[in-house]
Every structure is written in structure tokens, then in C-alpha cells.
Amino acid sequence: MSEQRFKPVFIFIDTDKHASPFDILMTIDLVPDVMVLKYENVTPEDVEKIVYDALFPRGPKGVKFTKIFVNGSNLEVVNAVVEKIKKCMFPPFELAVIVDPRGSYTTASAAVVKTLEVTQKLGLGVIEGKNVTVLAGTGPVGIAATWLYAAEKAAKVVVTSRDFAKAQKIASKINDELKTDVVKPFQARASEEVGKAIEDADIVLATGAPGVQLLPLNTLKTYGKRVKVVADCNAVPPYGIEGLDPKLDGKEVVPGVYGVGALAIGTLKNKIEAELIKKALQERKGIFDFRAAYEIGKAMLSTTK
């Protein structure tokens, strides 16, 4: 069969009860002739059957037109599904696989890129050598953002949680993966603990749940003497950082502290996801997760500059 006859097919594998329409609709709009298949409530035990049946019917020529998009709200289950997918593939039967659990990876990538953008606009250089605090950093967005900051050679990345053991688990995992010791766990429940977590930070990123305030403005003013950039992924009031309007994009929150709101992050997130889908469409194989998303975001920043 001629390659011209193969239509692009995106297979959405979702570990939740219902697949997200967000990513499906974005894919349909970007790839007008795409065919979409979706599987819901997928467990790691289901993966082998789905992937093998996706690999073989179109043959070595057609398999490169088949893509997988992995989604779900439980990061551990999503990671287990991705590992199963990797084990199923072998040359020449390999697929391009996008991993963006409920948009968390593209959101994290956009958030880190936006903080990088502001530090550069302020003449403060790059992330390397900076101290960063990721508030409520044990969810999917926080984990990916912490990993990216550490990979960018931040001097210190403090990851906070109400539960110290959770923060410690994430810090240890990222330090092991990157062969570093810059990620530090921190328990932050009360405002004073949050203040202690940010007092050495140059950059603060809030990645908590919608509608949960993590950093009161008074705490930022009292403890954040070194802070230059703050960013918040929460667009639902009360915002994660008090006084940080979701539409704010590199403007002062308090004198000397410049903020990036959730809507500014979200605008870039959507652009990054669109480019991630296009890249996966072009590539025969590969895992396109927060690492790939971040490289796309940084390339956009370079192009803009």
C-alpha cells in the first residue's frame, strides 16, 4: 500500500473513566484528516493488547502514521502505562507517544518557560544558579516543573508539601534521576512554614490545586526579600499566590516582584501542546513528554526574542 493512502490515526489511551475531550478536539483541529480512537479506564494490564493491535495491521510503512496519546489523572498509573507501551515496541514497529496527564506536563513546561522569560527580561540571566521554590510540588505539574528546574542546574529547588514524606519522596526520585542533590523537600502547612520555604528563593512557582491559596501576600512581603519572579498555575479564586491576577504576564505584583498568572501560563501551554502534537505527527517514534514540551517552549522563547 502506498504511504499516501495511510491516514493519520491518534489513539487516546486514558486511565480515567472518561477520556479528555480537550486533547482530542485540539488534535482534530490541528490535523483535519485525522482519525481518533479512544480507550478509557485503561490499566497497565490492558496496554499490551491495545498496543500490539495498533502496531501490526498497517505494517512497517503504515505504523509511522499511528500515534498514541496517553492521559489520565493518576500519575503513577499513567507512568506504568507508558512503561508498558515502551516494552511493546521494537524496530520497525515503533510509535510516537505523547504523554500529557490531564495537561500537567505542558502546563509545567509553560510555567518554567514563563519564569525563564521574565528572569531574562529583568536582566537576571537564566535559571542556572538560581534558587527556586515549587509550592505544593508533589502533584504532576509540580513534579515535572521541579525536574525541569533541577535539569536547568538551578542552585537549589525546594519542593513543598503539607506532608514532608511526599516531598521527600519526590526530591529523592528527581535527585536520583538527574544524579544531583539540588532538590530539597520541605513541609509547608502554615504561613510561617511557607515563608521559610521561599526566603532564599529567586523564583517561586505555585502548583497547587484550584481554589487553594498557598502564598499570602503578607508572607511574600515578609519573607520573600530575595524573590524576583512568582508564577501561579491556579486560575480559580482564591489564587495560589494572593494578588497575582491570572492575566498578569511579567508585571509587578508587589514592588520588585514580577508575576505570571495562570492564564498567561495557559496560553503558552496550549501553544506548546499544539506543537507537541505536530512534532509527534512528524516523527516516526519517540516519547514526547514534559522534556519534549519544555524544549518546544524554550524554542518558542528564543524565536520570540
C-alpha atoms as a PDB file:
ATOM      1  CA  MET A   1       0.000   0.000   0.000  1.00  0.00           C
ATOM      2  CA  SER A   2       1.292   3.460  -0.888  1.00  0.00           C
ATOM      3  CA  GLU A   3       2.132   5.731   2.052  1.00  0.00           C
ATOM      4  CA  GLN A   4      -0.205   8.352   0.594  1.00  0.00           C
ATOM      5  CA  ARG A   5      -3.135   6.095   1.410  1.00  0.00           C
ATOM      6  CA  PHE A   6      -2.429   5.917   5.148  1.00  0.00           C
ATOM      7  CA  LYS A   7      -4.451   8.381   7.191  1.00  0.00           C
ATOM      8  CA  PRO A   8      -3.003   9.690  10.476  1.00  0.00           C
ATOM      9  CA  VAL A   9      -4.568   7.923  13.455  1.00  0.00           C
ATOM     10  CA  PHE A  10      -4.321   9.097  17.059  1.00  0.00           C
ATOM     11  CA  ILE A  11      -5.134   6.501  19.705  1.00  0.00           C
ATOM     12  CA  PHE A  12      -6.062   8.125  23.018  1.00  0.00           C
ATOM     13  CA  ILE A  13      -5.326   5.863  25.961  1.00  0.00           C
ATOM     14  CA  ASP A  14      -6.858   7.280  29.135  1.00  0.00           C
ATOM     15  CA  THR A  15      -6.572   5.766  32.599  1.00  0.00           C
ATOM     16  CA  ASP A  16      -9.677   7.654  33.790  1.00  0.00           C
ATOM     17  CA  LYS A  17     -13.339   6.773  33.326  1.00  0.00           C
ATOM     18  CA  HIS A  18     -13.747   9.339  30.547  1.00  0.00           C
ATOM     19  CA  ALA A  19     -11.163  10.492  28.027  1.00  0.00           C
ATOM     20  CA  SER A  20     -10.449  14.215  27.999  1.00  0.00           C
ATOM     21  CA  PRO A  21     -12.181  15.960  25.070  1.00  0.00           C
ATOM     22  CA  PHE A  22      -9.660  18.816  25.349  1.00  0.00           C
ATOM     23  CA  ASP A  23      -6.774  16.949  23.746  1.00  0.00           C
ATOM     24  CA  ILE A  24      -8.963  15.111  21.258  1.00  0.00           C
ATOM     25  CA  LEU A  25     -10.504  18.352  19.992  1.00  0.00           C
ATOM     26  CA  MET A  26      -7.115  20.035  19.765  1.00  0.00           C
ATOM     27  CA  THR A  27      -5.786  17.135  17.703  1.00  0.00           C
ATOM     28  CA  ILE A  28      -8.794  17.153  15.362  1.00  0.00           C
ATOM     29  CA  ASP A  29      -8.429  20.893  14.769  1.00  0.00           C
ATOM     30  CA  LEU A  30      -4.695  20.592  14.097  1.00  0.00           C
ATOM     31  CA  VAL A  31      -4.914  17.505  11.863  1.00  0.00           C
ATOM     32  CA  PRO A  32      -8.103  17.834   9.761  1.00  0.00           C
ATOM     33  CA  ASP A  33      -7.933  14.320   8.220  1.00  0.00           C
ATOM     34  CA  VAL A  34      -7.039  12.553  11.476  1.00  0.00           C
ATOM     35  CA  MET A  35      -8.917   9.514  12.729  1.00  0.00           C
ATOM     36  CA  VAL A  36      -9.342   9.258  16.502  1.00  0.00           C
ATOM     37  CA  LEU A  37      -9.726   6.097  18.570  1.00  0.00           C
ATOM     38  CA  LYS A  38     -10.099   6.221  22.331  1.00  0.00           C
ATOM     39  CA  TYR A  39      -9.772   3.722  25.133  1.00  0.00           C
ATOM     40  CA  GLU A  40     -10.915   4.615  28.650  1.00  0.00           C
ATOM     41  CA  ASN A  41     -10.381   3.100  32.102  1.00  0.00           C
ATOM     42  CA  VAL A  42      -7.161   1.607  30.765  1.00  0.00           C
ATOM     43  CA  THR A  43      -4.943  -0.234  33.236  1.00  0.00           C
ATOM     44  CA  PRO A  44      -1.322  -1.278  32.690  1.00  0.00           C
ATOM     45  CA  GLU A  45      -2.599  -4.833  32.188  1.00  0.00           C
ATOM     46  CA  ASP A  46      -4.712  -3.677  29.216  1.00  0.00           C
ATOM     47  CA  VAL A  47      -1.870  -1.989  27.366  1.00  0.00           C
ATOM     48  CA  GLU A  48      -0.201  -4.927  25.637  1.00  0.00           C
ATOM     49  CA  LYS A  49      -3.316  -5.959  23.700  1.00  0.00           C
ATOM     50  CA  ILE A  50      -4.125  -2.387  22.618  1.00  0.00           C
ATOM     51  CA  VAL A  51      -0.586  -1.547  21.508  1.00  0.00           C
ATOM     52  CA  TYR A  52       0.099  -4.763  19.619  1.00  0.00           C
ATOM     53  CA  ASP A  53      -3.200  -4.404  17.773  1.00  0.00           C
ATOM     54  CA  ALA A  54      -2.161  -0.838  16.886  1.00  0.00           C
ATOM     55  CA  LEU A  55       1.321  -1.806  15.704  1.00  0.00           C
ATOM     56  CA  PHE A  56       0.739  -4.641  13.258  1.00  0.00           C
ATOM     57  CA  PRO A  57      -2.302  -4.095  10.945  1.00  0.00           C
ATOM     58  CA  ARG A  58      -0.769  -1.224   8.946  1.00  0.00           C
ATOM     59  CA  GLY A  59       2.627  -2.870   8.552  1.00  0.00           C
ATOM     60  CA  PRO A  60       6.054  -1.183   8.828  1.00  0.00           C
ATOM     61  CA  LYS A  61       5.076   1.533   6.329  1.00  0.00           C
ATOM     62  CA  GLY A  62       1.768   2.390   7.920  1.00  0.00           C
ATOM     63  CA  VAL A  63       2.775   2.215  11.589  1.00  0.00           C
ATOM     64  CA  LYS A  64       4.514   5.578  11.391  1.00  0.00           C
ATOM     65  CA  PHE A  65       1.118   7.193  10.774  1.00  0.00           C
ATOM     66  CA  THR A  66      -0.238   5.764  14.041  1.00  0.00           C
ATOM     67  CA  LYS A  67       0.268   7.848  17.204  1.00  0.00           C
ATOM     68  CA  ILE A  68      -0.616   7.298  20.861  1.00  0.00           C
ATOM     69  CA  PHE A  69      -1.666   9.977  23.359  1.00  0.00           C
ATOM     70  CA  VAL A  70      -1.547   8.832  26.998  1.00  0.00           C
ATOM     71  CA  ASN A  71      -3.698  10.674  29.512  1.00  0.00           C
ATOM     72  CA  GLY A  72      -5.129  10.315  32.999  1.00  0.00           C
ATOM     73  CA  SER A  73      -5.220  11.971  36.407  1.00  0.00           C
ATOM     74  CA  ASN A  74      -3.250   9.331  38.343  1.00  0.00           C
ATOM     75  CA  LEU A  75       0.405   9.944  37.512  1.00  0.00           C
ATOM     76  CA  GLU A  76       1.641   6.602  38.846  1.00  0.00           C
ATOM     77  CA  VAL A  77      -0.807   4.668  36.690  1.00  0.00           C
ATOM     78  CA  VAL A  78      -0.010   6.829  33.653  1.00  0.00           C
ATOM     79  CA  ASN A  79       3.715   6.163  34.142  1.00  0.00           C
ATOM     80  CA  ALA A  80       3.068   2.433  34.430  1.00  0.00           C
ATOM     81  CA  VAL A  81       1.056   2.519  31.179  1.00  0.00           C
ATOM     82  CA  VAL A  82       3.880   4.372  29.401  1.00  0.00           C
ATOM     83  CA  GLU A  83       6.440   1.812  30.569  1.00  0.00           C
ATOM     84  CA  LYS A  84       4.238  -0.983  29.218  1.00  0.00           C
ATOM     85  CA  ILE A  85       3.946   0.805  25.876  1.00  0.00           C
ATOM     86  CA  LYS A  86       7.730   1.117  25.645  1.00  0.00           C
ATOM     87  CA  LYS A  87       8.172  -2.611  26.236  1.00  0.00           C
ATOM     88  CA  CYS A  88       5.704  -3.449  23.451  1.00  0.00           C
ATOM     89  CA  MET A  89       7.608  -1.581  20.739  1.00  0.00           C
ATOM     90  CA  PHE A  90      10.544  -2.859  18.688  1.00  0.00           C
ATOM     91  CA  PRO A  91      12.044  -1.935  15.277  1.00  0.00           C
ATOM     92  CA  PRO A  92      10.422  -1.329  12.843  1.00  0.00           C
ATOM     93  CA  PHE A  93       7.199  -1.406  14.882  1.00  0.00           C
ATOM     94  CA  GLU A  94       7.611   1.750  16.949  1.00  0.00           C
ATOM     95  CA  LEU A  95       5.251   4.643  17.598  1.00  0.00           C
ATOM     96  CA  ALA A  96       5.386   8.295  18.590  1.00  0.00           C
ATOM     97  CA  VAL A  97       3.795   8.549  22.043  1.00  0.00           C
ATOM     98  CA  ILE A  98       2.598  11.811  23.617  1.00  0.00           C
ATOM     99  CA  VAL A  99       2.345  11.821  27.414  1.00  0.00           C
ATOM    100  CA  ASP A 100       0.489  14.758  28.979  1.00  0.00           C
ATOM    101  CA  PRO A 101      -1.534  13.616  32.006  1.00  0.00           C
ATOM    102  CA  ARG A 102      -4.502  15.994  32.177  1.00  0.00           C
ATOM    103  CA  GLY A 103      -2.358  18.710  30.624  1.00  0.00           C
ATOM    104  CA  SER A 104       0.063  18.718  33.544  1.00  0.00           C
ATOM    105  CA  TYR A 105       3.259  18.247  31.535  1.00  0.00           C
ATOM    106  CA  THR A 106       2.559  21.006  29.028  1.00  0.00           C
ATOM    107  CA  THR A 107       1.420  23.253  31.896  1.00  0.00           C
ATOM    108  CA  ALA A 108       4.623  22.614  33.865  1.00  0.00           C
ATOM    109  CA  SER A 109       6.734  23.257  30.785  1.00  0.00           C
ATOM    110  CA  ALA A 110       4.919  26.512  30.056  1.00  0.00           C
ATOM    111  CA  ALA A 111       5.266  27.655  33.680  1.00  0.00           C
ATOM    112  CA  VAL A 112       9.017  27.083  33.743  1.00  0.00           C
ATOM    113  CA  VAL A 113       9.461  28.773  30.358  1.00  0.00           C
ATOM    114  CA  LYS A 114       7.448  31.808  31.514  1.00  0.00           C
ATOM    115  CA  THR A 115       9.591  32.208  34.649  1.00  0.00           C
ATOM    116  CA  LEU A 116      12.689  31.911  32.455  1.00  0.00           C
ATOM    117  CA  GLU A 117      11.259  34.562  30.141  1.00  0.00           C
ATOM    118  CA  VAL A 118      10.696  37.018  32.996  1.00  0.00           C
ATOM    119  CA  THR A 119      14.130  36.482  34.559  1.00  0.00           C
ATOM    120  CA  GLN A 120      15.713  37.190  31.189  1.00  0.00           C
ATOM    121  CA  LYS A 121      13.606  40.316  30.645  1.00  0.00           C
ATOM    122  CA  LEU A 122      14.712  41.551  34.066  1.00  0.00           C
ATOM    123  CA  GLY A 123      18.326  41.050  33.058  1.00  0.00           C
ATOM    124  CA  LEU A 124      18.822  38.281  35.618  1.00  0.00           C
ATOM    125  CA  GLY A 125      20.043  35.667  33.155  1.00  0.00           C
ATOM    126  CA  VAL A 126      18.950  32.051  33.017  1.00  0.00           C
ATOM    127  CA  ILE A 127      17.732  29.556  35.637  1.00  0.00           C
ATOM    128  CA  GLU A 128      21.175  28.092  36.259  1.00  0.00           C
ATOM    129  CA  GLY A 129      22.445  29.190  39.663  1.00  0.00           C
ATOM    130  CA  LYS A 130      19.057  30.477  40.850  1.00  0.00           C
ATOM    131  CA  ASN A 131      17.151  29.261  43.905  1.00  0.00           C
ATOM    132  CA  VAL A 132      13.622  28.090  43.137  1.00  0.00           C
ATOM    133  CA  THR A 133      10.703  27.093  45.357  1.00  0.00           C
ATOM    134  CA  VAL A 134       7.874  24.973  43.941  1.00  0.00           C
ATOM    135  CA  LEU A 135       4.873  25.258  46.268  1.00  0.00           C
ATOM    136  CA  ALA A 136       2.619  22.181  46.547  1.00  0.00           C
ATOM    137  CA  GLY A 137       5.073  20.480  44.237  1.00  0.00           C
ATOM    138  CA  THR A 138       4.094  16.826  44.677  1.00  0.00           C
ATOM    139  CA  GLY A 139       1.345  16.780  42.018  1.00  0.00           C
ATOM    140  CA  PRO A 140       2.013  16.100  38.316  1.00  0.00           C
ATOM    141  CA  VAL A 141       2.612  19.777  37.437  1.00  0.00           C
ATOM    142  CA  GLY A 142       4.891  20.340  40.422  1.00  0.00           C
ATOM    143  CA  ILE A 143       6.907  17.173  39.851  1.00  0.00           C
ATOM    144  CA  ALA A 144       7.561  17.987  36.192  1.00  0.00           C
ATOM    145  CA  ALA A 145       8.409  21.623  36.979  1.00  0.00           C
ATOM    146  CA  THR A 146      10.780  20.608  39.779  1.00  0.00           C
ATOM    147  CA  TRP A 147      12.520  18.157  37.439  1.00  0.00           C
ATOM    148  CA  LEU A 148      12.930  20.852  34.782  1.00  0.00           C
ATOM    149  CA  TYR A 149      14.321  23.436  37.196  1.00  0.00           C
ATOM    150  CA  ALA A 150      16.799  20.881  38.534  1.00  0.00           C
ATOM    151  CA  ALA A 151      17.776  19.861  34.999  1.00  0.00           C
ATOM    152  CA  GLU A 152      18.410  23.524  34.205  1.00  0.00           C
ATOM    153  CA  LYS A 153      21.021  23.492  37.003  1.00  0.00           C
ATOM    154  CA  ALA A 154      19.212  25.644  39.499  1.00  0.00           C
ATOM    155  CA  ALA A 155      21.375  26.043  42.612  1.00  0.00           C
ATOM    156  CA  LYS A 156      18.524  24.765  44.819  1.00  0.00           C
ATOM    157  CA  VAL A 157      14.954  23.648  44.158  1.00  0.00           C
ATOM    158  CA  VAL A 158      12.770  23.492  47.256  1.00  0.00           C
ATOM    159  CA  VAL A 159       9.687  21.313  46.740  1.00  0.00           C
ATOM    160  CA  THR A 160       6.994  21.766  49.376  1.00  0.00           C
ATOM    161  CA  SER A 161       4.087  19.690  50.585  1.00  0.00           C
ATOM    162  CA  ARG A 162       1.817  19.589  53.597  1.00  0.00           C
ATOM    163  CA  ASP A 163       3.205  16.064  54.016  1.00  0.00           C
ATOM    164  CA  PHE A 164       7.004  16.018  54.365  1.00  0.00           C
ATOM    165  CA  ALA A 165       7.224  12.353  53.356  1.00  0.00           C
ATOM    166  CA  LYS A 166       5.629  13.140  49.979  1.00  0.00           C
ATOM    167  CA  ALA A 167       8.047  15.974  49.328  1.00  0.00           C
ATOM    168  CA  GLN A 168      10.960  13.784  50.385  1.00  0.00           C
ATOM    169  CA  LYS A 169       9.885  11.004  48.020  1.00  0.00           C
ATOM    170  CA  ILE A 170       9.712  13.388  45.039  1.00  0.00           C
ATOM    171  CA  ALA A 171      13.009  15.076  45.905  1.00  0.00           C
ATOM    172  CA  SER A 172      14.812  11.750  46.218  1.00  0.00           C
ATOM    173  CA  LYS A 173      13.405  10.442  42.953  1.00  0.00           C
ATOM    174  CA  ILE A 174      14.384  13.525  40.934  1.00  0.00           C
ATOM    175  CA  ASN A 175      17.821  13.753  42.552  1.00  0.00           C
ATOM    176  CA  ASP A 176      18.420  10.088  41.694  1.00  0.00           C
ATOM    177  CA  GLU A 177      17.280  10.513  38.090  1.00  0.00           C
ATOM    178  CA  LEU A 178      19.402  13.612  37.491  1.00  0.00           C
ATOM    179  CA  LYS A 179      22.368  12.498  39.623  1.00  0.00           C
ATOM    180  CA  THR A 180      22.189  15.663  41.712  1.00  0.00           C
ATOM    181  CA  ASP A 181      21.297  16.794  45.225  1.00  0.00           C
ATOM    182  CA  VAL A 182      19.780  20.216  44.495  1.00  0.00           C
ATOM    183  CA  VAL A 183      16.146  19.232  45.132  1.00  0.00           C
ATOM    184  CA  LYS A 184      15.230  19.750  48.785  1.00  0.00           C
ATOM    185  CA  PRO A 185      11.987  18.594  50.455  1.00  0.00           C
ATOM    186  CA  PHE A 186      10.152  20.996  52.735  1.00  0.00           C
ATOM    187  CA  GLN A 187       6.999  20.728  54.825  1.00  0.00           C
ATOM    188  CA  ALA A 188       4.804  23.815  54.405  1.00  0.00           C
ATOM    189  CA  ARG A 189       1.446  23.898  56.129  1.00  0.00           C
ATOM    190  CA  ALA A 190       1.212  27.199  57.996  1.00  0.00           C
ATOM    191  CA  SER A 191       2.044  30.602  56.504  1.00  0.00           C
ATOM    192  CA  GLU A 192       5.257  30.801  58.513  1.00  0.00           C
ATOM    193  CA  GLU A 193       6.447  27.473  57.038  1.00  0.00           C
ATOM    194  CA  VAL A 194       5.619  28.722  53.544  1.00  0.00           C
ATOM    195  CA  GLY A 195       7.614  31.855  54.350  1.00  0.00           C
ATOM    196  CA  LYS A 196      10.626  29.803  55.388  1.00  0.00           C
ATOM    197  CA  ALA A 197      10.332  27.829  52.146  1.00  0.00           C
ATOM    198  CA  ILE A 198      10.610  30.969  49.997  1.00  0.00           C
ATOM    199  CA  GLU A 199      13.041  33.113  51.964  1.00  0.00           C
ATOM    200  CA  ASP A 200      16.075  32.080  49.857  1.00  0.00           C
ATOM    201  CA  ALA A 201      14.190  31.824  46.556  1.00  0.00           C
ATOM    202  CA  ASP A 202      14.744  33.905  43.440  1.00  0.00           C
ATOM    203  CA  ILE A 203      11.749  32.242  41.725  1.00  0.00           C
ATOM    204  CA  VAL A 204       8.538  30.898  43.292  1.00  0.00           C
ATOM    205  CA  LEU A 205       6.102  28.715  41.364  1.00  0.00           C
ATOM    206  CA  ALA A 206       2.752  27.709  42.889  1.00  0.00           C
ATOM    207  CA  THR A 207       1.381  24.430  41.516  1.00  0.00           C
ATOM    208  CA  GLY A 208      -1.390  23.685  43.992  1.00  0.00           C
ATOM    209  CA  ALA A 209      -4.976  22.599  43.478  1.00  0.00           C
ATOM    210  CA  PRO A 210      -7.540  25.055  42.037  1.00  0.00           C
ATOM    211  CA  GLY A 211      -9.002  27.449  44.582  1.00  0.00           C
ATOM    212  CA  VAL A 212      -6.309  26.918  47.230  1.00  0.00           C
ATOM    213  CA  GLN A 213      -4.217  29.878  48.360  1.00  0.00           C
ATOM    214  CA  LEU A 214      -0.647  28.802  49.077  1.00  0.00           C
ATOM    215  CA  LEU A 215       1.200  32.097  49.451  1.00  0.00           C
ATOM    216  CA  PRO A 216      -0.498  35.059  51.179  1.00  0.00           C
ATOM    217  CA  LEU A 217       0.708  38.455  50.025  1.00  0.00           C
ATOM    218  CA  ASN A 218       1.866  39.389  53.528  1.00  0.00           C
ATOM    219  CA  THR A 219       4.011  36.238  53.673  1.00  0.00           C
ATOM    220  CA  LEU A 220       5.570  37.111  50.320  1.00  0.00           C
ATOM    221  CA  LYS A 221       6.374  40.649  51.522  1.00  0.00           C
ATOM    222  CA  THR A 222       7.738  39.478  54.882  1.00  0.00           C
ATOM    223  CA  TYR A 223       9.851  36.506  53.796  1.00  0.00           C
ATOM    224  CA  GLY A 224      10.401  36.954  50.078  1.00  0.00           C
ATOM    225  CA  LYS A 225      13.128  39.599  50.255  1.00  0.00           C
ATOM    226  CA  ARG A 226      15.127  37.800  47.566  1.00  0.00           C
ATOM    227  CA  VAL A 227      12.187  36.783  45.358  1.00  0.00           C
ATOM    228  CA  LYS A 228      12.119  38.409  41.916  1.00  0.00           C
ATOM    229  CA  VAL A 229       9.659  36.216  39.976  1.00  0.00           C
ATOM    230  CA  VAL A 230       6.453  34.486  41.093  1.00  0.00           C
ATOM    231  CA  ALA A 231       4.149  32.334  38.965  1.00  0.00           C
ATOM    232  CA  ASP A 232       0.841  30.621  39.693  1.00  0.00           C
ATOM    233  CA  CYS A 233      -0.828  27.746  37.836  1.00  0.00           C
ATOM    234  CA  ASN A 234      -4.187  28.231  39.609  1.00  0.00           C
ATOM    235  CA  ALA A 235      -6.812  30.262  37.722  1.00  0.00           C
ATOM    236  CA  VAL A 236      -9.629  29.584  40.230  1.00  0.00           C
ATOM    237  CA  PRO A 237     -10.045  32.089  43.082  1.00  0.00           C
ATOM    238  CA  PRO A 238      -8.676  32.258  45.655  1.00  0.00           C
ATOM    239  CA  TYR A 239      -5.499  32.124  43.591  1.00  0.00           C
ATOM    240  CA  GLY A 240      -2.437  30.178  44.682  1.00  0.00           C
ATOM    241  CA  ILE A 241      -0.495  33.409  45.189  1.00  0.00           C
ATOM    242  CA  GLU A 242      -2.602  36.186  46.675  1.00  0.00           C
ATOM    243  CA  GLY A 243      -2.801  39.270  44.478  1.00  0.00           C
ATOM    244  CA  LEU A 244      -1.461  37.532  41.379  1.00  0.00           C
ATOM    245  CA  ASP A 245      -4.110  38.108  38.705  1.00  0.00           C
ATOM    246  CA  PRO A 246      -4.343  35.149  36.272  1.00  0.00           C
ATOM    247  CA  LYS A 247      -3.899  37.525  33.308  1.00  0.00           C
ATOM    248  CA  LEU A 248      -0.706  39.059  34.675  1.00  0.00           C
ATOM    249  CA  ASP A 249       2.275  38.454  32.406  1.00  0.00           C
ATOM    250  CA  GLY A 250       5.568  39.744  33.730  1.00  0.00           C
ATOM    251  CA  LYS A 251       4.225  42.758  35.628  1.00  0.00           C
ATOM    252  CA  GLU A 252       4.858  43.694  39.262  1.00  0.00           C
ATOM    253  CA  VAL A 253       2.763  42.015  41.941  1.00  0.00           C
ATOM    254  CA  VAL A 254       4.494  43.951  44.693  1.00  0.00           C
ATOM    255  CA  PRO A 255       7.400  46.361  44.206  1.00  0.00           C
ATOM    256  CA  GLY A 256      10.352  44.455  42.799  1.00  0.00           C
ATOM    257  CA  VAL A 257       8.479  41.141  42.371  1.00  0.00           C
ATOM    258  CA  TYR A 258       7.185  40.266  38.909  1.00  0.00           C
ATOM    259  CA  GLY A 259       4.337  37.826  38.386  1.00  0.00           C
ATOM    260  CA  VAL A 260       2.993  35.402  35.815  1.00  0.00           C
ATOM    261  CA  GLY A 261      -0.633  34.325  36.199  1.00  0.00           C
ATOM    262  CA  ALA A 262      -2.359  31.100  35.270  1.00  0.00           C
ATOM    263  CA  LEU A 263      -3.969  32.412  32.086  1.00  0.00           C
ATOM    264  CA  ALA A 264      -0.628  33.648  30.769  1.00  0.00           C
ATOM    265  CA  ILE A 265       0.812  30.215  31.500  1.00  0.00           C
ATOM    266  CA  GLY A 266      -2.238  28.556  29.936  1.00  0.00           C
ATOM    267  CA  THR A 267      -1.899  30.490  26.685  1.00  0.00           C
ATOM    268  CA  LEU A 268       1.653  29.225  26.248  1.00  0.00           C
ATOM    269  CA  LYS A 269       0.616  25.731  27.402  1.00  0.00           C
ATOM    270  CA  ASN A 270      -1.864  25.462  24.534  1.00  0.00           C
ATOM    271  CA  LYS A 271       0.745  26.595  22.009  1.00  0.00           C
ATOM    272  CA  ILE A 272       3.245  24.063  23.346  1.00  0.00           C
ATOM    273  CA  GLU A 273       0.703  21.234  23.208  1.00  0.00           C
ATOM    274  CA  ALA A 274      -0.186  22.104  19.617  1.00  0.00           C
ATOM    275  CA  GLU A 275       3.483  21.970  18.624  1.00  0.00           C
ATOM    276  CA  LEU A 276       3.946  18.740  20.585  1.00  0.00           C
ATOM    277  CA  ILE A 277       1.143  17.117  18.592  1.00  0.00           C
ATOM    278  CA  LYS A 278       2.645  18.377  15.318  1.00  0.00           C
ATOM    279  CA  LYS A 279       6.089  17.079  16.302  1.00  0.00           C
ATOM    280  CA  ALA A 280       4.719  13.640  17.182  1.00  0.00           C
ATOM    281  CA  LEU A 281       2.894  13.613  13.848  1.00  0.00           C
ATOM    282  CA  GLN A 282       6.154  14.248  12.010  1.00  0.00           C
ATOM    283  CA  GLU A 283       8.307  11.780  13.945  1.00  0.00           C
ATOM    284  CA  ARG A 284       8.204   8.043  13.404  1.00  0.00           C
ATOM    285  CA  LYS A 285       8.883   7.199  17.059  1.00  0.00           C
ATOM    286  CA  GLY A 286       9.733   8.651  20.452  1.00  0.00           C
ATOM    287  CA  ILE A 287       8.266   9.572  23.829  1.00  0.00           C
ATOM    288  CA  PHE A 288       7.014  13.169  23.849  1.00  0.00           C
ATOM    289  CA  ASP A 289       6.545  14.150  27.486  1.00  0.00           C
ATOM    290  CA  PHE A 290       7.399  17.222  29.608  1.00  0.00           C
ATOM    291  CA  ARG A 291      11.009  17.122  28.432  1.00  0.00           C
ATOM    292  CA  ALA A 292       9.990  17.448  24.785  1.00  0.00           C
ATOM    293  CA  ALA A 293       7.335  20.016  25.707  1.00  0.00           C
ATOM    294  CA  TYR A 294       9.901  22.160  27.523  1.00  0.00           C
ATOM    295  CA  GLU A 295      12.306  22.121  24.579  1.00  0.00           C
ATOM    296  CA  ILE A 296       9.448  23.284  22.365  1.00  0.00           C
ATOM    297  CA  GLY A 297       8.622  26.081  24.826  1.00  0.00           C
ATOM    298  CA  LYS A 298      12.232  27.227  25.020  1.00  0.00           C
ATOM    299  CA  ALA A 299      12.455  27.252  21.237  1.00  0.00           C
ATOM    300  CA  MET A 300       9.366  29.486  21.137  1.00  0.00           C
ATOM    301  CA  LEU A 301      11.017  31.825  23.638  1.00  0.00           C
ATOM    302  CA  SER A 302      14.177  32.004  21.532  1.00  0.00           C
ATOM    303  CA  THR A 303      12.141  32.683  18.389  1.00  0.00           C
ATOM    304  CA  THR A 304      10.205  35.461  20.107  1.00  0.00           C
ATOM    305  CA  LYS A 305      13.399  37.083  21.338  1.00  0.00           C
END
